[in-house]
Each structure stands twice: as C-alpha cells, then as structure tokens.
Amino acid sequence: MGAQLVSGLQWRAMRASDIDGVVDVARASFPDHFEARACFEERLALFAQGCSVLADPADEAVRGYLIAYPWPLGAIPPLDSLLGSVPQARTAYYLHDLALHPDVRGQGHASPAVRQLFAVLRGLGGDEVALVSVNDTAAFWQGQGFAAVPPDAALQRKLASYGPDARYMRRAL
C-alpha cells in the first residue's frame, strides 16, 4: 500500500519488524478480542498486500494497523486462530482488523487506510469486502459504504464470540 500522510503519521506496508507494535495496538484496541502474535505474523505472511500500519516516519512507532485477506463471503474466521491458508480466488476479502491506538483515534486516520485498501483490492480484481463490526463501530463502517447483512444461524453463532454488538457487514468494491 502506498504511503498516506495524515497529521505526521503515515500509512505504509506492514513489515515483519512491525509485529510487536501491531500486537501492542491490538491489545489496547481489542482487550476483549485479543489475538496472539502468531496470528498477525501469519496474516502478513499469507497476504502482505492487505496489511498496513500507521507509523511515525521519524521513529517507526506503530500507532495503527489494517489487515485484510481473501476469504469466502458469509464466513468469518474464528478469533485468535491461525488460518493455515487463504483462498486463491481474489474476488472476496475479509477486513480482519482496522485498529488505531487510543492516542490517535478521532484524528482522521481510519478512512484513508480504508480507501487505500479498497484501491489495492480493486487492483487485484476484488469484487466485495466483508467484516465484523465490533466496539460500536457499525456507524463508521456504514459511512465507508458497508451494510449489515442478516446472518444465518451458523454465522450468528460465530458472531456471538465477538460480543453483543457484533455485526457482519459487506460492501462492493
């Protein structure tokens, strides 16, 4: 993903050396849905094109991250688990996480990352992106063009592990 400068912080492609910072942001952002370091390492290894970080160019400190990868529509991966592989088809994607450290939230950093991701995925031939909205973020995602999709019974069971406000949402690219 290309660089995007917002308030001195820059979105750039995630590197293996960023994983400690990603884990720190995840811990601060999702205390009830924490995932192990190995999950972040694997997602970067499986689909680096969908992984970016918000960092300070001066000290490289990670202040946010975004992770997406190919995944079947209507399915969500279990929390804190390795994927093993991602589908070879590059038409449907899952936006796994968009997280910002509490110190930089509300400063306009999220939307540029989403726009960058959509451009990358369209360039790969993508048609649609899905996600699970948590932590009262459904309104933000609606503003990004996502719409809640009524889940079937199997998906509803998986959503329960994400908390009571979890919503499965989709958007065409």
N, C-alpha and C. Protein backbone atom coordinates (compact mmCIF):
# COMPACT_ATOMS: atom_id res chain seq x y z
N MET A 1 0.85 -1.17 0.00
CA MET A 1 0.00 0.00 0.00
C MET A 1 0.89 1.24 0.00
N GLY A 2 0.50 2.22 -0.76
CA GLY A 2 1.27 3.45 -0.82
C GLY A 2 1.14 4.25 0.46
N ALA A 3 2.05 5.16 0.63
CA ALA A 3 2.06 5.99 1.83
C ALA A 3 0.91 7.00 1.80
N GLN A 4 0.37 7.29 2.95
CA GLN A 4 -0.67 8.33 3.09
C GLN A 4 -0.32 9.10 4.35
N LEU A 5 -0.07 10.39 4.20
CA LEU A 5 0.33 11.22 5.33
C LEU A 5 -0.88 11.91 5.94
N VAL A 6 -1.10 11.72 7.23
CA VAL A 6 -2.17 12.37 7.96
C VAL A 6 -1.60 12.78 9.32
N SER A 7 -1.55 14.07 9.61
CA SER A 7 -1.08 14.58 10.91
C SER A 7 0.28 14.02 11.31
N GLY A 8 1.21 13.91 10.37
CA GLY A 8 2.55 13.45 10.68
C GLY A 8 2.70 11.94 10.72
N LEU A 9 1.61 11.21 10.78
CA LEU A 9 1.66 9.75 10.74
C LEU A 9 1.41 9.29 9.31
N GLN A 10 1.97 8.14 8.97
CA GLN A 10 1.92 7.68 7.59
C GLN A 10 1.46 6.23 7.53
N TRP A 11 0.49 5.93 6.65
CA TRP A 11 0.12 4.54 6.36
C TRP A 11 1.13 4.00 5.37
N ARG A 12 1.66 2.83 5.66
CA ARG A 12 2.62 2.17 4.76
C ARG A 12 2.45 0.67 4.89
N ALA A 13 3.08 -0.05 4.00
CA ALA A 13 3.02 -1.52 4.03
C ALA A 13 3.59 -2.03 5.35
N MET A 14 2.92 -3.02 5.91
CA MET A 14 3.40 -3.65 7.14
C MET A 14 4.65 -4.49 6.85
N ARG A 15 5.57 -4.47 7.80
CA ARG A 15 6.78 -5.29 7.74
C ARG A 15 6.81 -6.24 8.94
N ALA A 16 7.60 -7.27 8.84
CA ALA A 16 7.74 -8.21 9.96
C ALA A 16 8.21 -7.48 11.22
N SER A 17 9.03 -6.47 11.07
CA SER A 17 9.53 -5.73 12.22
C SER A 17 8.46 -4.89 12.92
N ASP A 18 7.28 -4.77 12.30
CA ASP A 18 6.18 -4.00 12.89
C ASP A 18 5.30 -4.84 13.83
N ILE A 19 5.47 -6.14 13.85
CA ILE A 19 4.52 -7.01 14.54
C ILE A 19 4.42 -6.69 16.04
N ASP A 20 5.52 -6.39 16.70
CA ASP A 20 5.42 -6.03 18.13
C ASP A 20 4.51 -4.82 18.32
N GLY A 21 4.64 -3.82 17.47
CA GLY A 21 3.79 -2.64 17.56
C GLY A 21 2.34 -2.97 17.24
N VAL A 22 2.11 -3.84 16.28
CA VAL A 22 0.76 -4.27 15.94
C VAL A 22 0.12 -4.97 17.14
N VAL A 23 0.87 -5.85 17.78
CA VAL A 23 0.35 -6.55 18.96
C VAL A 23 0.00 -5.55 20.07
N ASP A 24 0.83 -4.55 20.26
CA ASP A 24 0.55 -3.53 21.28
C ASP A 24 -0.73 -2.75 20.96
N VAL A 25 -0.91 -2.37 19.70
CA VAL A 25 -2.12 -1.64 19.31
C VAL A 25 -3.34 -2.55 19.45
N ALA A 26 -3.20 -3.81 19.08
CA ALA A 26 -4.32 -4.75 19.21
C ALA A 26 -4.73 -4.91 20.67
N ARG A 27 -3.75 -5.02 21.54
CA ARG A 27 -4.04 -5.17 22.98
C ARG A 27 -4.81 -3.96 23.51
N ALA A 28 -4.42 -2.77 23.07
CA ALA A 28 -5.10 -1.56 23.52
C ALA A 28 -6.47 -1.39 22.88
N SER A 29 -6.63 -1.88 21.65
CA SER A 29 -7.85 -1.66 20.90
C SER A 29 -8.92 -2.73 21.12
N PHE A 30 -8.48 -3.96 21.32
CA PHE A 30 -9.41 -5.08 21.41
C PHE A 30 -9.12 -5.92 22.65
N PRO A 31 -9.23 -5.36 23.85
CA PRO A 31 -8.88 -6.14 25.05
C PRO A 31 -9.77 -7.37 25.24
N ASP A 32 -10.98 -7.34 24.72
CA ASP A 32 -11.88 -8.49 24.85
C ASP A 32 -11.77 -9.47 23.70
N HIS A 33 -10.99 -9.12 22.67
CA HIS A 33 -10.86 -9.97 21.49
C HIS A 33 -9.40 -10.11 21.09
N PHE A 34 -8.53 -10.24 22.06
CA PHE A 34 -7.10 -10.24 21.76
C PHE A 34 -6.69 -11.48 20.96
N GLU A 35 -5.78 -11.29 20.04
CA GLU A 35 -5.25 -12.39 19.24
C GLU A 35 -3.74 -12.47 19.42
N ALA A 36 -3.23 -13.67 19.37
CA ALA A 36 -1.80 -13.93 19.59
C ALA A 36 -0.94 -13.36 18.46
N ARG A 37 0.29 -13.10 18.79
CA ARG A 37 1.28 -12.59 17.85
C ARG A 37 1.34 -13.45 16.59
N ALA A 38 1.27 -14.76 16.76
CA ALA A 38 1.36 -15.68 15.63
C ALA A 38 0.26 -15.42 14.60
N CYS A 39 -0.90 -14.99 15.04
CA CYS A 39 -2.00 -14.68 14.11
C CYS A 39 -1.62 -13.52 13.20
N PHE A 40 -1.01 -12.48 13.75
CA PHE A 40 -0.61 -11.32 12.95
C PHE A 40 0.54 -11.69 12.01
N GLU A 41 1.49 -12.46 12.51
CA GLU A 41 2.61 -12.89 11.67
C GLU A 41 2.10 -13.70 10.48
N GLU A 42 1.16 -14.61 10.75
CA GLU A 42 0.65 -15.46 9.68
C GLU A 42 -0.10 -14.64 8.63
N ARG A 43 -0.94 -13.72 9.07
CA ARG A 43 -1.71 -12.93 8.11
C ARG A 43 -0.80 -12.10 7.22
N LEU A 44 0.26 -11.55 7.78
CA LEU A 44 1.24 -10.82 6.98
C LEU A 44 1.91 -11.76 5.98
N ALA A 45 2.28 -12.95 6.42
CA ALA A 45 2.94 -13.91 5.53
C ALA A 45 2.00 -14.39 4.42
N LEU A 46 0.72 -14.57 4.75
CA LEU A 46 -0.24 -15.09 3.77
C LEU A 46 -0.69 -14.07 2.74
N PHE A 47 -0.82 -12.80 3.16
CA PHE A 47 -1.35 -11.80 2.23
C PHE A 47 -0.85 -10.41 2.61
N ALA A 48 0.42 -10.17 2.33
CA ALA A 48 1.05 -8.89 2.68
C ALA A 48 0.36 -7.70 2.01
N GLN A 49 -0.25 -7.92 0.85
CA GLN A 49 -0.90 -6.82 0.13
C GLN A 49 -2.03 -6.20 0.94
N GLY A 50 -2.59 -6.94 1.88
CA GLY A 50 -3.70 -6.45 2.68
C GLY A 50 -3.30 -5.97 4.06
N CYS A 51 -2.01 -5.82 4.31
CA CYS A 51 -1.53 -5.45 5.65
C CYS A 51 -0.79 -4.12 5.61
N SER A 52 -1.22 -3.18 6.43
CA SER A 52 -0.55 -1.89 6.51
C SER A 52 -0.52 -1.41 7.95
N VAL A 53 0.36 -0.47 8.20
CA VAL A 53 0.46 0.13 9.54
C VAL A 53 0.46 1.64 9.42
N LEU A 54 -0.02 2.27 10.47
CA LEU A 54 0.07 3.71 10.64
C LEU A 54 1.26 3.95 11.56
N ALA A 55 2.27 4.61 11.03
CA ALA A 55 3.51 4.79 11.81
C ALA A 55 4.03 6.20 11.67
N ASP A 56 4.82 6.58 12.64
CA ASP A 56 5.52 7.85 12.62
C ASP A 56 6.79 7.65 11.79
N PRO A 57 6.95 8.39 10.70
CA PRO A 57 8.15 8.19 9.88
C PRO A 57 9.46 8.44 10.63
N ALA A 58 9.41 9.25 11.67
CA ALA A 58 10.64 9.56 12.40
C ALA A 58 11.13 8.40 13.25
N ASP A 59 10.22 7.74 13.95
CA ASP A 59 10.68 6.67 14.85
C ASP A 59 10.09 5.30 14.53
N GLU A 60 9.24 5.22 13.49
CA GLU A 60 8.63 3.96 13.04
C GLU A 60 7.68 3.35 14.07
N ALA A 61 7.32 4.07 15.11
CA ALA A 61 6.40 3.54 16.13
C ALA A 61 5.03 3.30 15.50
N VAL A 62 4.51 2.09 15.65
CA VAL A 62 3.21 1.71 15.08
C VAL A 62 2.11 2.29 15.95
N ARG A 63 1.20 3.04 15.30
CA ARG A 63 0.07 3.66 16.01
C ARG A 63 -1.26 3.10 15.54
N GLY A 64 -1.22 2.26 14.51
CA GLY A 64 -2.43 1.63 13.99
C GLY A 64 -2.07 0.58 12.97
N TYR A 65 -3.06 -0.23 12.62
CA TYR A 65 -2.82 -1.24 11.59
C TYR A 65 -4.13 -1.62 10.93
N LEU A 66 -4.00 -2.19 9.74
CA LEU A 66 -5.13 -2.70 8.98
C LEU A 66 -4.70 -4.04 8.40
N ILE A 67 -5.58 -5.04 8.51
CA ILE A 67 -5.29 -6.37 7.96
C ILE A 67 -6.52 -6.87 7.22
N ALA A 68 -6.32 -7.27 5.97
CA ALA A 68 -7.38 -7.87 5.16
C ALA A 68 -6.75 -9.00 4.34
N TYR A 69 -7.59 -9.95 3.93
CA TYR A 69 -7.10 -11.08 3.14
C TYR A 69 -8.27 -11.73 2.40
N PRO A 70 -7.97 -12.51 1.36
CA PRO A 70 -9.03 -13.22 0.66
C PRO A 70 -9.75 -14.17 1.62
N TRP A 71 -11.09 -14.18 1.52
CA TRP A 71 -11.88 -15.05 2.40
C TRP A 71 -13.28 -15.19 1.81
N PRO A 72 -13.90 -16.34 1.99
CA PRO A 72 -15.24 -16.52 1.41
C PRO A 72 -16.28 -15.60 2.07
N LEU A 73 -17.18 -15.06 1.25
CA LEU A 73 -18.27 -14.25 1.79
C LEU A 73 -19.17 -15.13 2.66
N GLY A 74 -19.71 -14.54 3.70
CA GLY A 74 -20.61 -15.27 4.59
C GLY A 74 -19.90 -16.11 5.63
N ALA A 75 -18.58 -16.06 5.65
CA ALA A 75 -17.80 -16.82 6.62
C ALA A 75 -16.90 -15.86 7.39
N ILE A 76 -16.67 -16.15 8.65
CA ILE A 76 -15.71 -15.36 9.43
C ILE A 76 -14.76 -16.32 10.12
N PRO A 77 -13.48 -15.98 10.13
CA PRO A 77 -12.52 -16.86 10.80
C PRO A 77 -12.68 -16.79 12.32
N PRO A 78 -12.45 -17.90 13.00
CA PRO A 78 -12.52 -17.85 14.47
C PRO A 78 -11.47 -16.90 15.03
N LEU A 79 -11.81 -16.24 16.11
CA LEU A 79 -10.85 -15.34 16.76
C LEU A 79 -9.65 -16.11 17.27
N ASP A 80 -8.51 -15.44 17.29
CA ASP A 80 -7.27 -15.97 17.86
C ASP A 80 -6.94 -17.36 17.34
N SER A 81 -7.02 -17.52 16.02
CA SER A 81 -6.67 -18.81 15.42
C SER A 81 -5.92 -18.58 14.12
N LEU A 82 -5.06 -19.51 13.80
CA LEU A 82 -4.32 -19.44 12.55
C LEU A 82 -5.24 -19.86 11.40
N LEU A 83 -5.03 -19.27 10.25
CA LEU A 83 -5.85 -19.56 9.08
C LEU A 83 -5.34 -20.78 8.31
N GLY A 84 -4.04 -21.00 8.32
CA GLY A 84 -3.45 -22.08 7.55
C GLY A 84 -3.17 -21.67 6.11
N SER A 85 -4.18 -21.11 5.46
CA SER A 85 -4.05 -20.63 4.09
C SER A 85 -5.22 -19.69 3.82
N VAL A 86 -5.14 -19.00 2.70
CA VAL A 86 -6.25 -18.18 2.24
C VAL A 86 -6.65 -18.68 0.86
N PRO A 87 -7.90 -18.46 0.46
CA PRO A 87 -8.34 -18.92 -0.86
C PRO A 87 -7.50 -18.29 -1.97
N GLN A 88 -7.31 -19.02 -3.03
CA GLN A 88 -6.57 -18.49 -4.19
C GLN A 88 -7.40 -17.45 -4.94
N ALA A 89 -8.72 -17.59 -4.88
CA ALA A 89 -9.60 -16.63 -5.54
C ALA A 89 -9.41 -15.26 -4.89
N ARG A 90 -9.34 -14.25 -5.71
CA ARG A 90 -9.10 -12.90 -5.20
C ARG A 90 -10.29 -12.00 -5.53
N THR A 91 -11.51 -12.49 -5.26
CA THR A 91 -12.69 -11.68 -5.55
C THR A 91 -13.38 -11.20 -4.27
N ALA A 92 -13.31 -11.99 -3.20
CA ALA A 92 -13.94 -11.62 -1.93
C ALA A 92 -12.86 -11.55 -0.86
N TYR A 93 -12.96 -10.53 -0.01
CA TYR A 93 -11.96 -10.29 1.02
C TYR A 93 -12.63 -10.09 2.37
N TYR A 94 -11.84 -10.35 3.40
CA TYR A 94 -12.30 -10.13 4.77
C TYR A 94 -11.40 -9.07 5.39
N LEU A 95 -11.97 -7.98 5.85
CA LEU A 95 -11.21 -6.94 6.54
C LEU A 95 -11.18 -7.37 8.01
N HIS A 96 -10.09 -7.97 8.39
CA HIS A 96 -9.97 -8.59 9.71
C HIS A 96 -9.91 -7.56 10.83
N ASP A 97 -9.10 -6.57 10.66
CA ASP A 97 -8.92 -5.54 11.70
C ASP A 97 -8.56 -4.21 11.07
N LEU A 98 -9.11 -3.17 11.66
CA LEU A 98 -8.61 -1.81 11.49
C LEU A 98 -8.56 -1.28 12.92
N ALA A 99 -7.36 -1.06 13.41
CA ALA A 99 -7.20 -0.65 14.80
C ALA A 99 -6.28 0.56 14.88
N LEU A 100 -6.67 1.50 15.72
CA LEU A 100 -5.85 2.67 16.00
C LEU A 100 -5.60 2.74 17.49
N HIS A 101 -4.39 3.08 17.85
CA HIS A 101 -4.08 3.27 19.27
C HIS A 101 -5.00 4.36 19.80
N PRO A 102 -5.48 4.24 21.04
CA PRO A 102 -6.39 5.26 21.59
C PRO A 102 -5.87 6.68 21.47
N ASP A 103 -4.56 6.89 21.50
CA ASP A 103 -3.98 8.23 21.41
C ASP A 103 -4.19 8.90 20.06
N VAL A 104 -4.49 8.13 19.01
CA VAL A 104 -4.61 8.73 17.67
C VAL A 104 -6.01 8.56 17.08
N ARG A 105 -6.95 8.04 17.85
CA ARG A 105 -8.32 7.88 17.35
C ARG A 105 -8.98 9.25 17.19
N GLY A 106 -9.90 9.31 16.26
CA GLY A 106 -10.67 10.54 16.04
C GLY A 106 -9.90 11.63 15.34
N GLN A 107 -8.78 11.30 14.73
CA GLN A 107 -7.95 12.31 14.06
C GLN A 107 -7.93 12.14 12.54
N GLY A 108 -8.85 11.31 12.01
CA GLY A 108 -8.96 11.16 10.56
C GLY A 108 -8.04 10.14 9.94
N HIS A 109 -7.50 9.23 10.72
CA HIS A 109 -6.55 8.24 10.18
C HIS A 109 -7.22 7.02 9.57
N ALA A 110 -8.43 6.68 9.98
CA ALA A 110 -9.05 5.42 9.56
C ALA A 110 -9.49 5.44 8.10
N SER A 111 -10.21 6.44 7.70
CA SER A 111 -10.77 6.47 6.34
C SER A 111 -9.71 6.40 5.25
N PRO A 112 -8.58 7.09 5.36
CA PRO A 112 -7.55 6.95 4.32
C PRO A 112 -7.04 5.51 4.18
N ALA A 113 -6.92 4.80 5.29
CA ALA A 113 -6.46 3.41 5.22
C ALA A 113 -7.47 2.55 4.48
N VAL A 114 -8.74 2.78 4.75
CA VAL A 114 -9.80 2.01 4.08
C VAL A 114 -9.80 2.30 2.59
N ARG A 115 -9.69 3.56 2.21
CA ARG A 115 -9.65 3.92 0.79
C ARG A 115 -8.45 3.28 0.09
N GLN A 116 -7.29 3.31 0.74
CA GLN A 116 -6.10 2.68 0.17
C GLN A 116 -6.32 1.19 -0.03
N LEU A 117 -6.88 0.54 0.99
CA LEU A 117 -7.13 -0.89 0.89
C LEU A 117 -8.06 -1.19 -0.28
N PHE A 118 -9.14 -0.45 -0.41
CA PHE A 118 -10.09 -0.69 -1.49
C PHE A 118 -9.40 -0.55 -2.85
N ALA A 119 -8.53 0.43 -3.00
CA ALA A 119 -7.81 0.61 -4.26
C ALA A 119 -6.93 -0.61 -4.55
N VAL A 120 -6.24 -1.10 -3.54
CA VAL A 120 -5.39 -2.29 -3.72
C VAL A 120 -6.23 -3.49 -4.12
N LEU A 121 -7.33 -3.71 -3.41
CA LEU A 121 -8.16 -4.89 -3.68
C LEU A 121 -8.83 -4.81 -5.05
N ARG A 122 -9.28 -3.63 -5.44
CA ARG A 122 -9.83 -3.47 -6.80
C ARG A 122 -8.77 -3.81 -7.83
N GLY A 123 -7.54 -3.37 -7.58
CA GLY A 123 -6.43 -3.66 -8.50
C GLY A 123 -6.13 -5.14 -8.63
N LEU A 124 -6.49 -5.90 -7.61
CA LEU A 124 -6.30 -7.35 -7.65
C LEU A 124 -7.50 -8.08 -8.23
N GLY A 125 -8.51 -7.32 -8.63
CA GLY A 125 -9.71 -7.92 -9.20
C GLY A 125 -10.79 -8.21 -8.19
N GLY A 126 -10.70 -7.60 -7.04
CA GLY A 126 -11.68 -7.85 -5.99
C GLY A 126 -13.05 -7.28 -6.29
N ASP A 127 -14.08 -7.96 -5.80
CA ASP A 127 -15.46 -7.53 -6.01
C ASP A 127 -16.13 -7.05 -4.73
N GLU A 128 -15.78 -7.68 -3.60
CA GLU A 128 -16.52 -7.39 -2.37
C GLU A 128 -15.63 -7.59 -1.14
N VAL A 129 -15.93 -6.83 -0.08
CA VAL A 129 -15.22 -6.93 1.19
C VAL A 129 -16.26 -7.12 2.29
N ALA A 130 -15.93 -7.99 3.25
CA ALA A 130 -16.80 -8.20 4.41
C ALA A 130 -15.98 -7.97 5.67
N LEU A 131 -16.67 -7.73 6.77
CA LEU A 131 -16.01 -7.53 8.06
C LEU A 131 -17.01 -7.80 9.17
N VAL A 132 -16.49 -7.87 10.39
CA VAL A 132 -17.33 -7.91 11.57
C VAL A 132 -17.08 -6.61 12.33
N SER A 133 -18.11 -5.83 12.47
CA SER A 133 -18.03 -4.58 13.22
C SER A 133 -18.17 -4.91 14.71
N VAL A 134 -17.24 -4.40 15.52
CA VAL A 134 -17.29 -4.56 16.97
C VAL A 134 -17.03 -3.20 17.63
N ASN A 135 -17.19 -3.14 18.93
CA ASN A 135 -16.89 -1.93 19.70
C ASN A 135 -17.65 -0.70 19.19
N ASP A 136 -18.91 -0.90 18.84
CA ASP A 136 -19.77 0.21 18.41
C ASP A 136 -19.23 0.96 17.19
N THR A 137 -18.69 0.23 16.21
CA THR A 137 -18.13 0.87 15.03
C THR A 137 -19.03 0.75 13.79
N ALA A 138 -20.23 0.20 13.94
CA ALA A 138 -21.11 -0.01 12.78
C ALA A 138 -21.36 1.30 12.02
N ALA A 139 -21.55 2.40 12.73
CA ALA A 139 -21.81 3.69 12.05
C ALA A 139 -20.61 4.11 11.21
N PHE A 140 -19.40 3.91 11.73
CA PHE A 140 -18.20 4.23 10.93
C PHE A 140 -18.20 3.41 9.65
N TRP A 141 -18.43 2.11 9.78
CA TRP A 141 -18.39 1.23 8.61
C TRP A 141 -19.51 1.55 7.63
N GLN A 142 -20.67 1.94 8.12
CA GLN A 142 -21.74 2.38 7.21
C GLN A 142 -21.28 3.60 6.42
N GLY A 143 -20.56 4.49 7.07
CA GLY A 143 -20.02 5.66 6.40
C GLY A 143 -18.99 5.31 5.34
N GLN A 144 -18.42 4.11 5.44
CA GLN A 144 -17.45 3.63 4.45
C GLN A 144 -18.13 2.81 3.35
N GLY A 145 -19.46 2.75 3.40
CA GLY A 145 -20.20 2.05 2.36
C GLY A 145 -20.61 0.62 2.69
N PHE A 146 -20.34 0.17 3.90
CA PHE A 146 -20.73 -1.19 4.30
C PHE A 146 -22.17 -1.20 4.78
N ALA A 147 -22.82 -2.35 4.61
CA ALA A 147 -24.18 -2.54 5.10
C ALA A 147 -24.23 -3.84 5.90
N ALA A 148 -24.98 -3.82 6.98
CA ALA A 148 -25.15 -5.03 7.79
C ALA A 148 -25.91 -6.07 6.99
N VAL A 149 -25.50 -7.32 7.14
CA VAL A 149 -26.13 -8.44 6.47
C VAL A 149 -26.72 -9.35 7.53
N PRO A 150 -28.02 -9.67 7.43
CA PRO A 150 -28.60 -10.59 8.42
C PRO A 150 -27.88 -11.94 8.36
N PRO A 151 -27.34 -12.40 9.48
CA PRO A 151 -26.58 -13.65 9.47
C PRO A 151 -27.50 -14.87 9.52
N ASP A 152 -27.03 -15.97 8.90
CA ASP A 152 -27.73 -17.23 9.07
C ASP A 152 -27.37 -17.78 10.45
N ALA A 153 -27.93 -18.91 10.83
CA ALA A 153 -27.73 -19.45 12.18
C ALA A 153 -26.26 -19.76 12.47
N ALA A 154 -25.56 -20.33 11.51
CA ALA A 154 -24.15 -20.68 11.72
C ALA A 154 -23.30 -19.43 11.92
N LEU A 155 -23.54 -18.42 11.10
CA LEU A 155 -22.78 -17.18 11.24
C LEU A 155 -23.14 -16.48 12.55
N GLN A 156 -24.40 -16.54 12.95
CA GLN A 156 -24.82 -15.92 14.20
C GLN A 156 -24.08 -16.53 15.39
N ARG A 157 -23.86 -17.84 15.37
CA ARG A 157 -23.11 -18.50 16.46
C ARG A 157 -21.68 -17.98 16.51
N LYS A 158 -21.05 -17.81 15.34
CA LYS A 158 -19.68 -17.29 15.30
C LYS A 158 -19.63 -15.83 15.76
N LEU A 159 -20.61 -15.05 15.35
CA LEU A 159 -20.65 -13.65 15.76
C LEU A 159 -20.76 -13.49 17.27
N ALA A 160 -21.40 -14.43 17.93
CA ALA A 160 -21.58 -14.35 19.38
C ALA A 160 -20.23 -14.23 20.10
N SER A 161 -19.18 -14.84 19.56
CA SER A 161 -17.87 -14.77 20.21
C SER A 161 -17.25 -13.39 20.08
N TYR A 162 -17.79 -12.54 19.22
CA TYR A 162 -17.27 -11.20 19.01
C TYR A 162 -17.94 -10.16 19.91
N GLY A 163 -18.97 -10.55 20.64
CA GLY A 163 -19.64 -9.64 21.55
C GLY A 163 -21.04 -9.29 21.08
N PRO A 164 -21.83 -8.68 21.96
CA PRO A 164 -23.25 -8.43 21.66
C PRO A 164 -23.50 -7.41 20.55
N ASP A 165 -22.55 -6.51 20.28
CA ASP A 165 -22.78 -5.51 19.23
C ASP A 165 -22.16 -5.91 17.89
N ALA A 166 -21.66 -7.14 17.77
CA ALA A 166 -21.02 -7.59 16.54
C ALA A 166 -22.02 -7.64 15.39
N ARG A 167 -21.60 -7.10 14.25
CA ARG A 167 -22.43 -7.07 13.04
C ARG A 167 -21.59 -7.52 11.86
N TYR A 168 -22.12 -8.47 11.09
CA TYR A 168 -21.47 -8.87 9.85
C TYR A 168 -21.88 -7.87 8.78
N MET A 169 -20.90 -7.28 8.09
CA MET A 169 -21.17 -6.23 7.12
C MET A 169 -20.41 -6.51 5.83
N ARG A 170 -21.01 -6.06 4.72
CA ARG A 170 -20.38 -6.24 3.41
C ARG A 170 -20.47 -4.97 2.59
N ARG A 171 -19.56 -4.88 1.62
CA ARG A 171 -19.54 -3.73 0.72
C ARG A 171 -18.93 -4.15 -0.61
N ALA A 172 -19.54 -3.72 -1.70
CA ALA A 172 -18.96 -3.94 -3.03
C ALA A 172 -17.77 -3.00 -3.21
N LEU A 173 -16.78 -3.46 -3.93
CA LEU A 173 -15.63 -2.62 -4.23
C LEU A 173 -15.90 -1.76 -5.45
